[in-house]
């Protein structure tokens, strides 16, 4: 998992995203918070479901 996210291209992409958030700044902070909250909720649902639903191997 760490190797998946530890390479120059990914670091550049994260830098781009951070720059974009800084660029939109306070003007769009409310909608950015809404998107972030939704993304975190969906991520939790994904992982919670993986523990609740056994996978047949």
Foldseek 3Di string as FASTA:
>chain_A
DVVVQPDDVNVVVVVVVVVVCVVCPPVCVVVVVVVVVVVVVVVVVVVVVPVVDDDDD
